Amino acid sequence: LNKYGREKTPAPIIVPAKTPKERKKLLILVGIMRG
């Protein structure tokens, strides 16, 4: 389990991103996790 408390899966992680900058950072993070 990762810090979101769920198995690592290809499924997108839905997290509130208040700004486009946060959103982009989040997308990059998800991309890294997907490998």
Protein backbone atom coordinates (compact mmCIF):
# COMPACT_ATOMS: atom_id res chain seq x y z
CA LEU A 1 0.00 0.00 0.00
CA ASN A 2 1.15 3.49 -0.77
CA LYS A 3 0.48 6.64 1.25
CA TYR A 4 -3.03 6.83 -0.23
CA GLY A 5 -3.87 3.57 1.50
CA ARG A 6 -4.53 1.56 -1.65
CA GLU A 7 -2.77 -0.91 -3.88
CA LYS A 8 -0.65 0.51 -6.67
CA THR A 9 -2.81 0.23 -9.75
CA PRO A 10 -3.07 1.90 -13.17
CA ALA A 11 -6.26 3.55 -11.92
CA PRO A 12 -5.93 7.33 -11.63
CA ILE A 13 -5.74 8.70 -8.12
CA ILE A 14 -8.38 11.34 -7.56
CA VAL A 15 -6.97 14.12 -5.40
CA PRO A 16 -8.26 17.69 -5.25
CA ALA A 17 -5.83 19.95 -7.08
CA LYS A 18 -6.56 23.58 -6.30
CA THR A 19 -4.25 25.02 -8.93
CA PRO A 20 -3.03 23.99 -12.39
CA LYS A 21 0.47 23.80 -10.94
CA GLU A 22 -0.62 21.26 -8.31
CA ARG A 23 -2.57 19.38 -10.97
CA LYS A 24 0.46 19.13 -13.23
CA LYS A 25 2.67 17.98 -10.35
CA LEU A 26 0.06 15.37 -9.49
CA LEU A 27 -0.11 14.11 -13.07
CA ILE A 28 3.68 13.77 -13.14
CA LEU A 29 3.59 11.87 -9.86
CA VAL A 30 0.92 9.50 -11.17
CA GLY A 31 2.98 9.03 -14.33
CA ILE A 32 6.01 8.03 -12.26
CA MET A 33 3.94 5.59 -10.22
CA ARG A 34 2.60 3.97 -13.39
CA GLY A 35 6.17 3.57 -14.57
